[in-house]
Every structure is written in C-alpha cells, then in structure tokens.
Amino acid sequence: MLKRDQGVVLPTSVRVPGFRVELEGTVFRLEATGSWTVHEAANLDSALKRLQVPIPPTPDFTGEVDVSSIAELDTAGAWLLQRTADRWRTKGLATTFSGATRDFAILIEEVERRSEQERPQTKSEGGFSRFLVDASRTMSGVWQDARMLTAFLGAVTDTFGRIIMQPSRFRMLSFIHHVDHAGLRAVAIISLICLLIGAVVMQQAAVQLQAFGAEIFSVNMLGILALREVGVLLTAIMVAGRSASAFTAEIGSMKMREEIDAMRTLGIDPMETLVAPRILALIVALPLLTFIGDMMCLVGGGMMAIAYLGLDIATYVDVLHSVVDFRHFMAGMVKAPFAALIIGLVGCLEGLKVEGSADSLGFHVTSAVVKAIFLVIVFDAIFAMFLSAIGI
C-alpha cells in the first residue's frame, strides 16, 4: 500500500473512501478522496458502477481524474481508477490523471501498462484431440517407466552379484526385519482374505453347476483355480498393497530428509543397505505366503462344501487328491518369486524417485501401489497363458 506522505506502510486505520464528479468549464473532473485500498474496493466498485459516464457534447470536452486528495492507494484502488478512466475514454472523453505524487504516478502507470497487455490465447482442444494427447502422454510415461524399471533391475542384479562375491556385505539383520514385516505380519490378513474367497468361489461354482447335477465338480474347479491362480494372485496383490507402499514411504522419507545422500557421503551403498534386503525378503516371504493362501483357499472351499454340498471332510480331501496334481501347485508357486521381484523393484524405485516434498511422497506411494498391482496382474496373465500353452 502507498501512503501519500510516508511511502509503503502497513495500514493502521482506514479512511472513508469516496469521490465526486464536477464540471469545470469543459473539464469533467472526478475527484477521488480518502483511502482507495483493497479493503474499500467492494464499496468503491459498486459506487463507480452506478456512476453515469459523462458524454461530451463537443470534442472540446475532456476528462480528468484528480487523485490529489487520496491519502492511501494500492493496486486495487489504482485499477479502479484506471478502469474508470478507460470507461470515460471509450465514450469519447479524453481523460488524464492529475495530482498524483511520484509513487502514485508509478503505481497508476504500472497498472495501466499491465492492463493493456494482451492475455495469451488458450487454444481450445476438442475431445478427440485431448484423447490423443492423453494417450500419447500415457504411452510415453509407460515407455519411460519400463526403461527406468529395466535399468533399476540391472542395478539390483549388479548389487546381488557383489553380495554373492562378498557375503559380508549382506545386511542379515535388515533382511530378517523385512521378512518379519512383509511376511509374518501379513499372514493374518492374507489367510482371512483367501479363506473368504475360497468359500465364495466354491459356493458360486456349486450354484452354477447344480442346475446340471454336477455340483461335485465345483471341488475340482476350486482346487485347480486356487492353486494355479487365486492363491498367488490374491497374495501378491495384498503384498503389493502393503509392502510396495511401505517400501516407497520408508525410502522416500529418507530421500526427503537427505539421509540417502548422507549415506553415499559416508561410503554406504543405498542399494546394498536399503534395496537388496527388501527385495530378498519379499522373494523369500511371498512364496511362503502363497502356500498359506493356497491352503486357506482350500480350507474355505472345504467349509462351504461341507455346509452347502453336504460333503464330509474325508470325501472333500479324496476329491481334491484325485483332481489336484502337483503341477497345478507348482504352476502357482513358480509365479511367486517373480511377483515378489516386481513388487520389490517398483516399491524401491518409486521411493528413490521421491523429491523433497510431502506431495511428491504421496504421489509416489500411490503410484507404487497402482503400478505394482497392475504389473503383477499382467505378469500373472502372461505366465498363465504360457504355462497353458506348454501343457502345464
């Protein structure tokens, strides 16, 4: 805010703003008085809108905005004065400013200069154009993510090679800690989810096959589906939601606090200290969790078979034994280490991509969960089709 006598000050009191218009000879004069600041802008704006613009009867008439009685002026007030002068000029009344101090004149001239600048024209795009732009941006992002993930896989492989050549570099305590957090503490939730899904699959299969008198074959479907797909996929998705987000949050928080830079300064390799133990812990924990998930799917299906189909435990186990082959079990278990590798790579990479803000951390945590689940599902689909194609 500019004050007539003291320059830029903080306001302590606000004078009553106002103005009056008078005709002196051939000059229409608007004399502004009081305080023209943002605090009074609303009242001034409504009063100026009600002001009738003088229409010059002859070209000899001119307009003048007298600011000699203004005590305080800021950008809002200068803009209102400039807008009034522009309205008078559009009516054919050549209007000038008078009575301005040096500071007031600079402010009014700057507002006028900024007002005359043309705003950049925004090009409106059609729906199809926006779709093409979004699709192109998405494909470009997918390609960049694929490149970064591949490069990160190479860096992790190199780290594992160094650890194999020098076992003393392996962080056993960190590895056990992450096996506990990613594996042992996930047993309860994965068991519950797989138990419920196994029961639902069995119930729905029995309902659909009952119309053909073949409800006993719902046990066959459950056994094969649970061991080949449901157990490993549900477990991987749950671990992706828990561990990928945890890895990103932990490493990202360290990145925000510059702890990773401090580790490099001290000669500590973050790949060996932070990344390798987490990925190895997942590779060990996820197959074990998958086995538990498979068993709980079968237990849930068995509970529903006993309650819904009237089978006893011995009959249910005999039917499973006659249908389920070891290859079905291995078809699901062989996917688990690869799914664990994907989850670990995505979670750690997104954590290392975090920048120095909480918004960046939240974005990359969300991105890690979405990417990990998406890649796990894509990998499972490709692997399932490949195993079917080779007869496994």
Protein backbone atom coordinates (compact mmCIF):
# COMPACT_ATOMS: atom_id res chain seq x y z
CA MET A 1 0.00 0.00 0.00
CA LEU A 2 1.23 3.51 -0.81
CA LYS A 3 0.61 6.37 1.60
CA ARG A 4 0.82 9.91 0.28
CA ASP A 5 3.39 11.14 2.78
CA GLN A 6 5.14 8.04 4.10
CA GLY A 7 5.53 5.66 1.15
CA VAL A 8 4.91 1.94 1.74
CA VAL A 9 3.38 1.32 5.20
CA LEU A 10 1.09 -1.11 6.93
CA PRO A 11 -2.41 0.32 7.35
CA THR A 12 -3.35 1.35 10.87
CA SER A 13 -6.69 2.92 10.13
CA VAL A 14 -8.86 3.17 7.04
CA ARG A 15 -10.27 6.49 5.94
CA VAL A 16 -13.69 6.64 4.38
CA PRO A 17 -13.20 6.48 0.62
CA GLY A 18 -15.19 8.48 -1.83
CA PHE A 19 -15.28 10.58 -4.93
CA ARG A 20 -17.29 13.29 -6.57
CA VAL A 21 -17.72 14.43 -10.17
CA GLU A 22 -17.95 18.07 -11.19
CA LEU A 23 -17.89 20.05 -14.41
CA GLU A 24 -15.43 22.92 -14.52
CA GLY A 25 -15.53 24.70 -17.86
CA THR A 26 -15.05 21.95 -20.44
CA VAL A 27 -13.45 19.52 -17.99
CA PHE A 28 -15.34 16.70 -16.31
CA ARG A 29 -13.36 16.10 -13.15
CA LEU A 30 -13.59 13.02 -10.91
CA GLU A 31 -12.02 13.96 -7.57
CA ALA A 32 -11.07 10.88 -5.55
CA THR A 33 -10.76 11.28 -1.79
CA GLY A 34 -9.85 9.20 1.23
CA SER A 35 -8.45 5.69 1.11
CA TRP A 36 -8.55 3.68 -2.13
CA THR A 37 -7.35 0.27 -0.98
CA VAL A 38 -8.45 -3.33 -1.25
CA HIS A 39 -10.41 -3.01 1.99
CA GLU A 40 -12.72 -0.45 0.36
CA ALA A 41 -12.61 -1.88 -3.15
CA ALA A 42 -16.05 -3.52 -2.98
CA ASN A 43 -17.80 -0.30 -1.91
CA LEU A 44 -15.89 1.78 -4.43
CA ASP A 45 -16.61 -0.70 -7.22
CA SER A 46 -20.35 -0.68 -6.63
CA ALA A 47 -20.39 3.15 -6.43
CA LEU A 48 -18.35 3.55 -9.64
CA LYS A 49 -20.66 1.15 -11.48
CA ARG A 50 -23.60 3.38 -10.58
CA LEU A 51 -21.73 6.45 -11.79
CA GLN A 52 -23.08 7.73 -15.08
CA VAL A 53 -20.31 8.24 -17.61
CA PRO A 54 -20.36 11.84 -18.87
CA ILE A 55 -20.88 12.04 -22.61
CA PRO A 56 -19.03 15.01 -24.13
CA PRO A 57 -21.40 17.32 -26.04
CA THR A 58 -18.48 18.51 -28.20
CA PRO A 59 -14.94 17.24 -28.84
CA ASP A 60 -13.61 20.15 -26.76
CA PHE A 61 -14.68 18.49 -23.51
CA THR A 62 -12.09 16.40 -21.67
CA GLY A 63 -11.94 14.25 -18.56
CA GLU A 64 -9.66 14.40 -15.56
CA VAL A 65 -9.13 12.03 -12.62
CA ASP A 66 -7.82 14.08 -9.71
CA VAL A 67 -6.02 11.93 -7.11
CA SER A 68 -4.59 14.82 -5.07
CA SER A 69 -7.00 14.11 -2.19
CA ILE A 70 -6.26 10.38 -1.96
CA ALA A 71 -4.44 9.50 1.26
CA GLU A 72 -3.80 5.78 0.65
CA LEU A 73 -3.65 3.88 -2.63
CA ASP A 74 -2.85 0.29 -3.51
CA THR A 75 -3.10 -1.84 -6.65
CA ALA A 76 -6.83 -2.47 -6.23
CA GLY A 77 -7.57 1.24 -5.96
CA ALA A 78 -5.28 2.10 -8.87
CA TRP A 79 -7.05 -0.48 -11.00
CA LEU A 80 -10.46 1.01 -10.16
CA LEU A 81 -9.23 4.46 -11.13
CA GLN A 82 -7.72 3.13 -14.34
CA ARG A 83 -10.91 1.27 -15.21
CA THR A 84 -12.96 4.45 -14.70
CA ALA A 85 -10.61 6.44 -16.92
CA ASP A 86 -10.86 3.77 -19.62
CA ARG A 87 -14.67 3.86 -19.49
CA TRP A 88 -14.62 7.63 -19.99
CA ARG A 89 -12.20 7.28 -22.92
CA THR A 90 -14.43 4.72 -24.65
CA LYS A 91 -17.23 7.31 -24.54
CA GLY A 92 -15.03 9.77 -26.42
CA LEU A 93 -13.86 11.75 -23.39
CA ALA A 94 -10.06 12.11 -23.42
CA THR A 95 -9.13 11.50 -19.78
CA THR A 96 -5.92 12.13 -17.89
CA PHE A 97 -4.70 11.83 -14.28
CA SER A 98 -3.67 14.80 -12.14
CA GLY A 99 -2.46 15.48 -8.61
CA ALA A 100 -0.51 12.24 -8.29
CA THR A 101 2.65 12.01 -6.23
CA ARG A 102 5.66 10.27 -7.73
CA ASP A 103 4.80 6.95 -6.05
CA PHE A 104 1.13 7.19 -7.01
CA ALA A 105 2.03 8.01 -10.62
CA ILE A 106 4.36 5.00 -10.85
CA LEU A 107 1.69 2.68 -9.47
CA ILE A 108 -1.03 4.02 -11.79
CA GLU A 109 1.25 3.80 -14.83
CA GLU A 110 2.25 0.23 -13.98
CA VAL A 111 -1.38 -0.81 -13.59
CA GLU A 112 -2.21 0.83 -16.91
CA ARG A 113 0.70 -0.89 -18.64
CA ARG A 114 -0.26 -4.28 -17.26
CA SER A 115 -3.91 -3.79 -18.19
CA GLU A 116 -3.02 -3.06 -21.81
CA GLN A 117 -1.05 -6.29 -22.24
CA GLU A 118 -2.91 -8.91 -24.22
CA ARG A 119 -3.67 -12.09 -22.41
CA PRO A 120 -2.33 -15.25 -24.05
CA GLN A 121 -4.97 -17.01 -26.07
CA THR A 122 -5.65 -20.54 -24.89
CA LYS A 123 -6.35 -22.93 -27.69
CA SER A 124 -9.47 -24.97 -27.00
CA GLU A 125 -8.99 -28.60 -27.93
CA GLY A 126 -11.72 -30.97 -28.94
CA GLY A 127 -12.48 -34.19 -27.14
CA PHE A 128 -10.69 -36.35 -29.69
CA SER A 129 -7.59 -34.12 -29.61
CA ARG A 130 -7.47 -34.30 -25.83
CA PHE A 131 -7.84 -38.06 -26.05
CA LEU A 132 -4.90 -38.30 -28.45
CA VAL A 133 -2.77 -36.05 -26.23
CA ASP A 134 -3.62 -38.04 -23.11
CA ALA A 135 -3.00 -41.34 -24.90
CA SER A 136 0.36 -40.11 -26.20
CA ARG A 137 1.37 -38.85 -22.76
CA THR A 138 0.34 -42.16 -21.17
CA MET A 139 2.28 -44.24 -23.70
CA SER A 140 5.32 -42.03 -23.25
CA GLY A 141 5.05 -42.45 -19.47
CA VAL A 142 4.75 -46.23 -19.81
CA TRP A 143 7.85 -46.32 -22.00
CA GLN A 144 9.83 -44.18 -19.54
CA ASP A 145 8.72 -46.34 -16.61
CA ALA A 146 9.71 -49.51 -18.50
CA ARG A 147 13.15 -48.10 -19.22
CA MET A 148 13.69 -46.99 -15.63
CA LEU A 149 12.46 -50.32 -14.23
CA THR A 150 14.76 -52.25 -16.57
CA ALA A 151 17.75 -50.08 -15.61
CA PHE A 152 16.88 -50.48 -11.93
CA LEU A 153 16.68 -54.27 -12.38
CA GLY A 154 20.19 -54.16 -13.81
CA ALA A 155 21.43 -52.15 -10.83
CA VAL A 156 19.79 -54.59 -8.40
CA THR A 157 21.30 -57.56 -10.25
CA ASP A 158 24.73 -55.95 -10.01
CA THR A 159 24.18 -55.43 -6.28
CA PHE A 160 23.22 -59.08 -5.80
CA GLY A 161 26.36 -60.08 -7.68
CA ARG A 162 28.53 -58.03 -5.32
CA ILE A 163 26.78 -59.55 -2.32
CA ILE A 164 27.36 -63.08 -3.64
CA MET A 165 31.04 -62.34 -4.22
CA GLN A 166 31.37 -60.71 -0.79
CA PRO A 167 28.77 -62.21 1.60
CA SER A 168 29.94 -59.91 4.39
CA ARG A 169 28.21 -57.03 2.58
CA PHE A 170 24.80 -58.66 3.10
CA ARG A 171 22.65 -56.97 5.79
CA MET A 172 21.26 -60.01 7.59
CA LEU A 173 19.55 -58.02 10.37
CA SER A 174 17.75 -55.81 7.87
CA PHE A 175 16.75 -58.88 5.85
CA ILE A 176 15.20 -60.58 8.89
CA HIS A 177 13.42 -57.36 9.85
CA HIS A 178 11.77 -57.08 6.43
CA VAL A 179 10.88 -60.78 6.32
CA ASP A 180 9.04 -60.19 9.59
CA HIS A 181 7.24 -57.06 8.35
CA ALA A 182 6.46 -58.21 4.80
CA GLY A 183 5.87 -61.88 5.60
CA LEU A 184 4.99 -62.82 9.14
CA ARG A 185 2.81 -59.79 9.85
CA ALA A 186 0.85 -60.35 6.63
CA VAL A 187 -0.17 -63.92 7.46
CA ALA A 188 -3.39 -62.98 9.26
CA ILE A 189 -4.88 -60.71 6.60
CA ILE A 190 -3.86 -62.97 3.71
CA SER A 191 -5.30 -66.04 5.47
CA LEU A 192 -8.60 -64.29 6.08
CA ILE A 193 -8.92 -62.97 2.52
CA CYS A 194 -8.04 -66.30 0.91
CA LEU A 195 -10.40 -68.17 3.25
CA LEU A 196 -13.31 -65.95 2.26
CA ILE A 197 -12.51 -66.01 -1.46
CA GLY A 198 -12.17 -69.80 -1.43
CA ALA A 199 -15.59 -70.09 0.22
CA VAL A 200 -17.18 -67.68 -2.28
CA VAL A 201 -15.68 -69.47 -5.29
CA MET A 202 -16.92 -72.81 -4.02
CA GLN A 203 -20.41 -71.51 -3.30
CA GLN A 204 -20.79 -69.79 -6.67
CA ALA A 205 -19.45 -72.79 -8.57
CA ALA A 206 -21.86 -75.11 -6.77
CA VAL A 207 -24.82 -72.83 -7.57
CA GLN A 208 -23.98 -72.75 -11.27
CA LEU A 209 -23.25 -76.50 -11.59
CA GLN A 210 -26.23 -77.59 -9.52
CA ALA A 211 -28.54 -77.00 -12.49
CA PHE A 212 -26.65 -79.75 -14.35
CA GLY A 213 -26.38 -82.09 -11.39
CA ALA A 214 -22.62 -81.65 -11.41
CA GLU A 215 -22.08 -79.67 -8.24
CA ILE A 216 -19.41 -82.17 -7.13
CA PHE A 217 -17.19 -80.75 -9.88
CA SER A 218 -17.09 -77.41 -8.05
CA VAL A 219 -14.44 -79.04 -5.85
CA ASN A 220 -12.38 -79.72 -8.97
CA MET A 221 -12.69 -76.12 -10.10
CA LEU A 222 -11.80 -74.73 -6.70
CA GLY A 223 -8.75 -76.93 -6.30
CA ILE A 224 -7.26 -76.07 -9.68
CA LEU A 225 -8.22 -72.39 -9.57
CA ALA A 226 -6.97 -71.85 -6.02
CA LEU A 227 -3.59 -73.46 -6.59
CA ARG A 228 -2.90 -72.04 -10.05
CA GLU A 229 -4.33 -68.51 -9.83
CA VAL A 230 -6.35 -67.35 -6.84
CA GLY A 231 -3.84 -68.08 -4.09
CA VAL A 232 -0.81 -66.48 -5.70
CA LEU A 233 -2.73 -63.57 -7.24
CA LEU A 234 -4.56 -62.58 -4.06
CA THR A 235 -1.38 -62.90 -2.03
CA ALA A 236 0.65 -60.85 -4.50
CA ILE A 237 -1.99 -58.11 -4.63
CA MET A 238 -2.17 -57.91 -0.84
CA VAL A 239 1.61 -57.81 -0.53
CA ALA A 240 1.79 -55.17 -3.26
CA GLY A 241 -0.65 -53.00 -1.32
CA ARG A 242 1.22 -53.48 1.97
CA SER A 243 4.87 -53.76 1.06
CA ALA A 244 5.18 -51.66 -2.09
CA SER A 245 3.63 -48.69 -0.31
CA ALA A 246 5.74 -49.31 2.81
CA PHE A 247 8.97 -49.53 0.81
CA THR A 248 8.19 -46.33 -1.08
CA ALA A 249 7.22 -44.46 2.08
CA GLU A 250 10.32 -45.59 4.01
CA ILE A 251 12.86 -44.92 1.25
CA GLY A 252 11.03 -41.77 0.12
CA SER A 253 11.09 -40.32 3.64
CA MET A 254 14.83 -40.95 3.81
CA LYS A 255 15.22 -39.30 0.41
CA MET A 256 13.27 -36.23 1.60
CA ARG A 257 15.47 -35.89 4.70
CA GLU A 258 18.60 -36.33 2.55
CA GLU A 259 19.60 -39.41 4.53
CA ILE A 260 20.39 -41.31 1.34
CA ASP A 261 22.79 -38.55 0.26
CA ALA A 262 24.40 -38.73 3.69
CA MET A 263 24.80 -42.50 3.31
CA ARG A 264 26.59 -42.04 -0.02
CA THR A 265 28.81 -39.39 1.57
CA LEU A 266 29.80 -41.89 4.28
CA GLY A 267 30.56 -44.54 1.67
CA ILE A 268 27.46 -46.65 2.36
CA ASP A 269 25.76 -48.05 -0.75
CA PRO A 270 21.99 -47.47 -0.52
CA MET A 271 21.37 -50.35 -2.94
CA GLU A 272 23.04 -52.80 -0.56
CA THR A 273 21.60 -51.24 2.58
CA LEU A 274 18.04 -50.33 1.57
CA VAL A 275 17.07 -52.09 -1.66
CA ALA A 276 18.67 -55.55 -1.61
CA PRO A 277 17.37 -56.63 1.85
CA ARG A 278 13.83 -55.57 0.99
CA ILE A 279 13.71 -57.37 -2.36
CA LEU A 280 15.32 -60.54 -0.99
CA ALA A 281 12.89 -60.52 1.95
CA LEU A 282 9.95 -60.37 -0.45
CA ILE A 283 11.38 -63.16 -2.63
CA VAL A 284 11.58 -65.36 0.47
CA ALA A 285 8.32 -64.30 2.10
CA LEU A 286 5.92 -64.25 -0.87
CA PRO A 287 6.20 -67.98 -1.77
CA LEU A 288 5.55 -68.87 1.87
CA LEU A 289 2.57 -66.54 1.98
CA THR A 290 1.35 -68.01 -1.32
CA PHE A 291 1.46 -71.51 0.17
CA ILE A 292 -0.56 -70.31 3.17
CA GLY A 293 -3.00 -68.55 0.83
CA ASP A 294 -3.46 -71.73 -1.24
CA MET A 295 -4.19 -73.78 1.84
CA MET A 296 -6.64 -71.24 3.21
CA CYS A 297 -8.49 -71.12 -0.14
CA LEU A 298 -8.90 -74.88 0.05
CA VAL A 299 -9.99 -74.67 3.70
CA GLY A 300 -12.58 -72.03 2.87
CA GLY A 301 -13.84 -74.10 -0.05
CA GLY A 302 -13.98 -77.15 2.20
CA MET A 303 -16.07 -75.30 4.78
CA MET A 304 -18.53 -74.31 2.08
CA ALA A 305 -18.54 -77.82 0.60
CA ILE A 306 -19.44 -79.26 3.99
CA ALA A 307 -22.11 -76.64 4.68
CA TYR A 308 -23.54 -76.26 1.16
CA LEU A 309 -22.95 -79.59 -0.57
CA GLY A 310 -23.19 -81.85 2.47
CA LEU A 311 -19.77 -83.44 1.92
CA ASP A 312 -17.66 -84.67 4.80
CA ILE A 313 -14.01 -83.84 5.25
CA ALA A 314 -12.74 -87.22 4.04
CA THR A 315 -14.77 -87.06 0.82
CA TYR A 316 -13.66 -83.49 0.14
CA VAL A 317 -10.00 -84.39 0.62
CA ASP A 318 -10.36 -87.51 -1.58
CA VAL A 319 -11.92 -85.47 -4.40
CA LEU A 320 -9.14 -82.88 -4.15
CA HIS A 321 -6.50 -85.63 -4.11
CA SER A 322 -7.92 -87.22 -7.25
CA VAL A 323 -8.12 -83.93 -9.15
CA VAL A 324 -5.26 -81.76 -7.99
CA ASP A 325 -1.89 -82.64 -9.44
CA PHE A 326 1.49 -81.44 -8.24
CA ARG A 327 1.92 -79.48 -11.46
CA HIS A 328 -1.07 -77.31 -10.52
CA PHE A 329 0.57 -76.49 -7.22
CA MET A 330 3.90 -75.67 -8.86
CA ALA A 331 2.20 -73.60 -11.58
CA GLY A 332 1.11 -71.20 -8.87
CA MET A 333 4.20 -71.36 -6.68
CA VAL A 334 6.63 -70.66 -9.51
CA LYS A 335 4.97 -67.27 -10.08
CA ALA A 336 5.52 -66.10 -6.51
CA PRO A 337 9.26 -65.20 -6.63
CA PHE A 338 8.81 -63.26 -9.87
CA ALA A 339 5.81 -61.39 -8.45
CA ALA A 340 7.89 -60.60 -5.35
CA LEU A 341 10.70 -59.26 -7.54
CA ILE A 342 8.27 -56.99 -9.41
CA ILE A 343 6.74 -55.64 -6.19
CA GLY A 344 10.12 -55.01 -4.62
CA LEU A 345 11.53 -53.29 -7.70
CA VAL A 346 8.53 -50.99 -8.09
CA GLY A 347 8.34 -50.10 -4.40
CA CYS A 348 12.04 -49.30 -4.05
CA LEU A 349 12.28 -47.45 -7.38
CA GLU A 350 9.33 -45.20 -6.58
CA GLY A 351 10.87 -44.45 -3.19
CA LEU A 352 14.14 -43.37 -4.80
CA LYS A 353 12.19 -41.11 -7.20
CA VAL A 354 10.65 -39.09 -4.34
CA GLU A 355 11.63 -35.42 -4.29
CA GLY A 356 11.72 -33.01 -1.38
CA SER A 357 8.01 -32.53 -0.69
CA ALA A 358 5.21 -34.39 1.05
CA ASP A 359 3.12 -34.11 -2.12
CA SER A 360 5.80 -36.00 -4.05
CA LEU A 361 5.91 -38.69 -1.39
CA GLY A 362 2.14 -39.20 -1.50
CA PHE A 363 2.16 -39.30 -5.29
CA HIS A 364 4.89 -41.93 -5.49
CA VAL A 365 3.34 -44.09 -2.75
CA THR A 366 0.09 -44.17 -4.71
CA SER A 367 1.99 -44.76 -7.94
CA ALA A 368 3.92 -47.66 -6.39
CA VAL A 369 0.76 -49.48 -5.31
CA VAL A 370 -1.01 -48.97 -8.64
CA LYS A 371 1.99 -49.97 -10.75
CA ALA A 372 2.85 -52.98 -8.61
CA ILE A 373 -0.70 -54.38 -8.70
CA PHE A 374 -1.02 -53.70 -12.43
CA LEU A 375 2.30 -55.36 -13.28
CA VAL A 376 1.55 -58.35 -11.04
CA ILE A 377 -1.79 -58.94 -12.80
CA VAL A 378 -0.22 -58.54 -16.25
CA PHE A 379 2.61 -60.91 -15.32
CA ASP A 380 0.16 -63.47 -13.93
CA ALA A 381 -1.93 -63.38 -17.10
CA ILE A 382 1.09 -63.80 -19.38
CA PHE A 383 2.55 -66.57 -17.24
CA ALA A 384 -0.80 -68.41 -17.05
CA MET A 385 -1.16 -68.39 -20.84
CA PHE A 386 2.43 -69.53 -21.28
CA LEU A 387 2.02 -72.45 -18.85
CA SER A 388 -1.21 -73.50 -20.56
CA ALA A 389 0.47 -73.32 -23.96
CA ILE A 390 3.26 -75.71 -22.88
CA GLY A 391 0.79 -78.07 -21.23
CA ILE A 392 1.48 -77.36 -17.55
